[in-house]
Protein backbone atom coordinates (compact mmCIF):
# COMPACT_ATOMS: atom_id res chain seq x y z
CA THR A 1 131.14 109.66 78.85
CA GLY A 2 128.51 111.22 81.04
CA ILE A 3 129.00 112.50 84.55
CA HIS A 4 126.49 110.92 86.92
CA ASN A 5 125.58 112.35 90.30
CA VAL A 6 122.60 112.15 92.65
CA TYR A 7 121.20 115.39 94.02
CA LYS A 8 118.36 116.07 96.42
CA PHE A 9 116.01 118.92 95.74
CA LEU A 10 113.35 120.24 98.11
CA LEU A 11 110.24 121.15 96.15
CA LYS A 12 107.29 123.10 97.53
CA SER A 13 103.87 122.33 96.19
CA HIS A 14 100.22 123.02 97.02
CA GLY A 15 98.45 119.73 97.68
CA VAL A 16 94.78 118.87 97.61
CA ASN A 17 93.45 116.56 100.28
CA GLY A 18 91.04 113.68 99.84
CA ASN A 19 88.02 115.89 100.46
CA GLY A 20 88.93 118.28 97.68
CA HIS A 21 90.16 121.05 99.98
CA SER A 22 93.51 122.77 99.53
CA SER A 23 96.04 121.68 102.11
CA ALA A 24 98.83 123.72 103.62
CA VAL A 25 102.03 124.16 101.63
CA LYS A 26 104.25 121.20 102.34
CA ARG A 27 107.81 120.29 101.45
CA ARG A 28 108.38 117.27 99.28
CA GLU A 29 111.84 115.78 98.94
CA THR A 30 112.59 114.53 95.44
CA ILE A 31 115.71 112.58 94.57
CA LEU A 32 116.98 113.17 91.05
CA ASN A 33 119.74 111.37 89.20
CA LEU A 34 121.54 113.95 87.07
CA ALA A 35 123.47 112.79 84.00
CA ILE A 36 125.57 115.28 82.02
CA ALA A 37 127.21 114.38 78.74
CA PRO A 38 128.91 116.46 76.03
CA LEU A 39 126.89 117.19 72.89
CA VAL A 40 129.13 116.99 69.80
CA SER A 41 128.63 117.74 66.13
CA LYS A 42 129.40 115.46 63.18
CA ASP A 43 132.97 116.77 63.09
CA GLN A 44 133.39 115.96 66.80
CA GLN A 45 133.23 119.57 67.96
CA GLN A 46 131.54 120.13 71.30
CA ILE A 47 128.51 122.33 70.70
CA GLY A 48 126.82 121.99 74.04
CA ARG A 49 125.89 119.68 76.86
CA LEU A 50 123.11 117.13 77.23
CA VAL A 51 121.50 117.20 80.68
CA ILE A 52 119.13 114.41 81.72
CA PHE A 53 117.15 114.39 84.97
CA ASP A 54 115.74 111.07 86.18
CA ASP A 55 113.34 111.03 89.14
CA VAL A 56 114.48 108.10 91.33
CA THR A 57 112.47 109.06 94.42
CA ASP A 58 110.19 106.00 94.31
CA ARG A 59 113.15 103.66 93.89
CA ALA A 60 115.01 105.23 96.81
CA GLU A 61 111.91 104.96 99.03
CA LEU A 62 111.45 101.31 98.05
CA GLU A 63 115.08 100.56 98.91
CA GLN A 64 114.60 102.22 102.29
CA ARG A 65 111.49 100.11 102.97
CA LEU A 66 113.33 96.92 102.02
CA VAL A 67 116.14 97.77 104.43
CA GLN A 68 113.61 98.44 107.19
CA ALA A 69 111.75 95.18 106.49
CA ASP A 70 115.00 93.20 106.58
CA LYS A 71 115.96 94.87 109.84
CA LEU A 72 112.60 94.00 111.41
CA SER A 73 112.86 90.40 110.21
CA SER A 74 116.31 89.95 111.77
CA ILE A 75 115.37 91.51 115.08
CA GLY A 76 112.20 89.42 115.13
CA LEU A 77 114.15 86.15 115.01
CA LEU A 78 116.45 87.34 117.78
CA ALA A 79 113.56 88.63 119.87
CA ALA A 80 111.70 85.32 119.79
CA GLY A 81 114.65 83.41 121.21
CA VAL A 82 115.44 86.00 123.88
CA ALA A 83 111.80 86.31 124.97
CA HIS A 84 111.34 82.57 125.53
CA GLU A 85 114.60 82.32 127.50
CA VAL A 86 113.75 85.28 129.75
CA ASN A 87 110.13 84.35 130.48
CA THR A 88 110.91 81.43 132.79
CA PRO A 89 113.26 83.22 135.25
CA LEU A 90 110.87 86.18 135.30
CA ALA A 91 108.02 83.91 136.37
CA VAL A 92 110.18 82.43 139.15
CA ILE A 93 111.25 85.87 140.43
CA SER A 94 107.67 87.13 140.42
CA THR A 95 106.37 84.06 142.28
CA TYR A 96 109.00 84.21 145.04
CA ALA A 97 108.56 87.97 145.44
CA GLN A 98 104.83 87.47 146.01
CA MET A 99 105.48 84.64 148.49
CA LEU A 100 107.98 86.74 150.46
CA ALA A 101 105.60 89.71 150.50
CA LYS A 102 103.06 87.59 152.39
CA GLN A 103 105.68 86.61 154.99
CA VAL A 104 107.23 89.98 155.89
CA GLY A 105 104.10 91.21 157.62
CA ASP A 106 104.41 94.80 158.88
CA ASP A 107 108.07 95.26 157.92
CA SER A 108 107.61 98.34 155.73
CA GLN A 109 111.20 98.44 154.46
CA LYS A 110 111.14 94.86 153.21
CA SER A 111 107.64 95.32 151.80
CA LEU A 112 108.85 98.36 149.84
CA ILE A 113 111.78 96.41 148.38
CA LEU A 114 109.58 93.47 147.41
CA ASP A 115 107.04 95.83 145.87
CA LYS A 116 109.78 97.34 143.70
CA ILE A 117 110.89 93.85 142.64
CA ALA A 118 107.31 92.93 141.71
CA LYS A 119 106.79 96.13 139.70
CA GLN A 120 110.04 95.79 137.77
CA THR A 121 109.35 92.11 137.11
CA PHE A 122 105.94 93.06 135.73
CA ARG A 123 107.56 95.71 133.50
CA ALA A 124 110.11 93.18 132.23
CA SER A 125 107.26 90.76 131.53
CA GLU A 126 105.47 93.42 129.48
CA ILE A 127 108.60 93.92 127.38
CA VAL A 128 108.93 90.18 126.84
CA ASN A 129 105.29 89.91 125.75
CA SER A 130 105.84 92.79 123.35
CA LEU A 131 108.82 90.94 121.93
CA LEU A 132 106.74 87.81 121.45
CA ASN A 133 103.95 89.75 119.73
CA PHE A 134 106.53 91.47 117.56
CA SER A 135 108.15 88.23 116.41
CA ARG A 136 105.28 85.74 116.46
CA THR A 137 104.20 84.02 113.26
CA SER A 138 100.44 84.20 113.10
CA THR A 139 97.52 83.28 110.92
CA THR A 140 95.63 86.48 110.33
CA SER A 141 92.10 86.45 109.00
CA PHE A 142 91.44 89.26 106.56
CA GLY A 143 88.08 90.54 105.43
CA GLU A 144 86.16 93.70 104.62
CA VAL A 145 86.63 96.26 107.39
CA ASN A 146 84.92 99.57 108.07
CA LEU A 147 87.95 101.74 108.77
CA ASN A 148 86.01 104.64 110.28
CA ARG A 149 84.37 102.28 112.76
CA VAL A 150 87.70 100.77 113.86
CA ILE A 151 89.14 104.24 114.47
CA GLN A 152 86.04 105.43 116.33
CA GLU A 153 86.03 102.34 118.57
CA THR A 154 89.72 102.84 119.35
CA LEU A 155 89.13 106.48 120.26
CA SER A 156 86.26 105.39 122.51
CA LEU A 157 88.61 103.05 124.39
CA LEU A 158 90.98 105.94 125.05
CA GLU A 159 88.34 108.61 125.68
CA HIS A 160 88.95 108.78 129.44
CA GLN A 161 92.75 108.83 129.10
CA LEU A 162 92.67 111.57 126.47
CA GLN A 163 90.26 113.73 128.47
CA LYS A 164 92.36 113.28 131.60
CA SER A 165 95.42 114.44 129.64
CA GLY A 166 93.61 117.55 128.41
CA ILE A 167 93.57 116.39 124.80
CA GLN A 168 90.77 117.38 122.44
CA VAL A 169 89.96 115.00 119.58
CA LYS A 170 88.97 116.30 116.14
CA VAL A 171 87.84 113.83 113.49
CA ASP A 172 87.15 114.37 109.82
CA PHE A 173 85.90 111.09 108.35
CA GLU A 174 84.89 110.59 104.75
CA ALA A 175 81.19 109.79 105.10
CA GLU A 176 80.96 106.91 102.63
CA LEU A 177 84.43 105.46 103.09
CA ALA A 178 84.85 102.31 101.02
CA PRO A 179 85.73 99.16 103.00
CA ILE A 180 89.32 97.95 103.15
CA HIS A 181 90.73 94.41 103.11
CA ALA A 182 92.20 94.05 106.59
CA ASN A 183 92.16 92.53 110.05
CA ALA A 184 90.23 94.83 112.40
CA GLY A 185 92.03 93.66 115.55
CA LYS A 186 95.47 94.37 114.20
CA LEU A 187 94.43 97.74 112.82
CA GLN A 188 93.08 98.65 116.25
CA GLN A 189 96.54 97.92 117.65
CA VAL A 190 98.02 100.27 115.04
CA PHE A 191 95.72 103.12 116.02
CA LEU A 192 96.18 102.46 119.74
CA ASN A 193 99.94 102.84 119.29
CA LEU A 194 99.59 106.04 117.25
CA PHE A 195 97.02 107.63 119.58
CA LEU A 196 98.99 106.76 122.72
CA ASN A 197 102.17 108.16 121.19
CA ALA A 198 100.30 111.37 120.40
CA ARG A 199 98.99 111.53 123.97
CA ASP A 200 102.50 111.11 125.38
CA ALA A 201 103.82 113.83 123.04
CA MET A 202 101.23 116.32 124.35
CA ALA A 203 102.08 116.22 128.04
CA LYS A 204 100.43 119.61 128.63
CA GLY A 205 97.37 118.88 126.52
CA GLY A 206 96.63 119.64 122.90
CA THR A 207 94.65 118.41 119.94
CA LEU A 208 94.61 114.99 118.29
CA GLU A 209 93.39 115.17 114.70
CA VAL A 210 92.28 112.10 112.75
CA ARG A 211 91.20 112.25 109.12
CA THR A 212 90.19 109.61 106.54
CA TRP A 213 89.58 109.74 102.81
CA THR A 214 90.00 107.53 99.74
CA ASP A 215 91.33 107.63 96.23
CA GLU A 216 90.81 105.11 93.43
CA SER A 217 92.68 102.23 95.07
CA SER A 218 93.40 102.98 98.71
CA ALA A 219 92.16 104.45 101.96
CA LYS A 220 94.15 107.27 103.51
CA ILE A 221 94.42 107.96 107.23
CA GLU A 222 96.12 110.94 108.80
CA VAL A 223 96.89 111.10 112.52
CA ALA A 224 98.34 114.41 113.71
CA ASP A 225 99.07 116.02 117.06
CA THR A 226 100.01 119.48 118.32
CA GLY A 227 103.02 118.35 120.34
CA PRO A 228 106.65 119.40 119.81
CA GLY A 229 107.09 117.16 116.77
CA ILE A 230 109.92 114.71 116.10
CA SER A 231 113.55 115.78 115.89
CA PRO A 232 114.79 115.58 112.27
CA GLU A 233 117.62 113.26 113.32
CA HIS A 234 115.07 110.83 114.77
CA LEU A 235 112.62 110.70 111.85
CA HIS A 236 114.46 107.87 110.06
CA ARG A 237 114.84 105.81 113.25
CA ILE A 238 111.38 105.82 114.81
CA TYR A 239 110.45 102.41 113.37
CA ASP A 240 113.64 100.78 114.67
CA PRO A 241 112.98 98.19 117.40
CA PHE A 242 113.73 99.53 120.92
CA PHE A 243 114.24 103.09 119.70
CA THR A 244 112.32 105.55 121.86
CA THR A 245 112.53 109.23 122.75
CA LYS A 246 110.43 108.76 125.86
CA ALA A 247 111.87 109.04 129.35
CA ALA A 248 113.38 105.95 130.94
CA ARG A 249 110.80 103.32 131.91
CA LYS A 250 108.10 105.10 129.90
CA GLY A 251 108.24 102.97 126.78
CA THR A 252 109.68 99.80 125.27
CA GLY A 253 110.46 101.26 121.85
CA LEU A 254 108.46 98.52 120.13
CA GLY A 255 105.14 100.26 119.49
CA LEU A 256 105.99 101.85 116.15
CA SER A 257 108.01 98.81 115.05
CA VAL A 258 104.92 96.66 115.56
CA THR A 259 102.81 99.30 113.81
CA TYR A 260 105.16 99.33 110.83
CA GLY A 261 105.04 95.53 110.61
CA ILE A 262 101.23 95.42 110.70
CA ILE A 263 100.93 98.04 107.95
CA GLN A 264 103.39 96.09 105.79
CA GLU A 265 101.36 92.95 106.53
CA HIS A 266 98.33 94.72 105.06
CA GLY A 267 100.19 95.73 101.92
CA GLY A 268 100.08 99.38 102.93
CA SER A 269 102.52 102.12 103.79
CA ILE A 270 103.13 104.56 106.63
CA GLU A 271 104.97 107.88 106.51
CA VAL A 272 105.84 110.38 109.21
CA SER A 273 106.60 114.08 109.01
CA ASN A 274 106.49 117.24 111.08
CA ARG A 275 103.72 119.77 110.51
CA ARG A 276 104.65 123.34 109.73
CA SER A 277 102.30 124.49 112.49
CA GLY A 278 103.96 122.15 115.01
CA GLY A 279 103.46 118.52 115.94
CA ALA A 280 103.91 115.20 114.19
CA ARG A 281 101.84 113.74 111.38
CA PHE A 282 101.50 110.05 110.46
CA ARG A 283 99.94 109.23 107.11
CA LEU A 284 98.79 105.67 106.39
CA ASP A 285 97.81 104.16 103.07
CA LEU A 286 95.80 100.90 103.03
CA PRO A 287 94.43 99.05 99.98
CA LEU A 288 90.68 98.99 99.45
CA ALA A 289 88.77 95.71 99.42
CA ARG A 290 88.30 94.37 95.92
CA ALA A 291 84.78 93.48 94.88
CA GLY A 292 84.22 89.76 95.20
CA ALA A 293 87.48 89.14 97.06
CA ALA A 294 87.17 86.17 99.39
CA SER A 295 88.05 86.53 103.05
CA LYS A 296 90.67 83.98 103.97
CA PRO A 297 93.41 83.43 106.55
CA VAL A 298 96.83 84.63 105.45
CA ASN A 299 100.08 83.51 107.07
CA PHE A 300 102.56 86.25 107.98
CA ALA A 301 105.86 86.09 109.78
């Protein structure tokens, strides 16, 4: 009988990007199933060993995505119930805090306390709304979308914030990028989350790089920053709901979970890694629009 084990090998390869230029050397993790069995002759004498390598990387990645999707589905059901239950008392607290603020007059100490209550109530409300958006079943209208335009419009929305943070933006768009089958509004939310995360990671300024290109069946988007990168122990957790590496009160931990869900909704994929030169890199893969495909609403949970 054969001896079966699973080994992980780190392979280094030179890649070529979508524009035909050589990319930096990057590490690719490949999972191989190794089967070893004795090789015997007709008279049952062992004359060697038979070694078989089976590349199971794609299967392992698919299993990981299924686990993540199941996790998001479960937390979504829980989030919906919690959000609806919390919304009502939050509204009551906020209303009474505003009423009391009008009555305290020039009492600075009481005004300060009520101001803190109002701010924290507003923050809690933001978290609840994020939970509702995360868990809500919606009818999403899909159609042909100009990906470059969506990204450019999103960058325009954040132009002031990025400049104020000392962040330079570099774009490298494929000139004649084929349209994708998507919902522009939801994709804008994806890029907002990624760009804001990059901004937060570069507290002392840096460079945000955005690149697009296509292959035969999909559009590729790469969003990279020059921040400190993501700790290796956190890479597999960044899409988990409520997981955040930001300082307290600086994030809800739902941004990348929502991003992951939207990309899955579009039949695409998202991967994260650290750049050798420093910083984090997100790579998105979205299917191109098929010729003659009709735009129609699609229900997603």
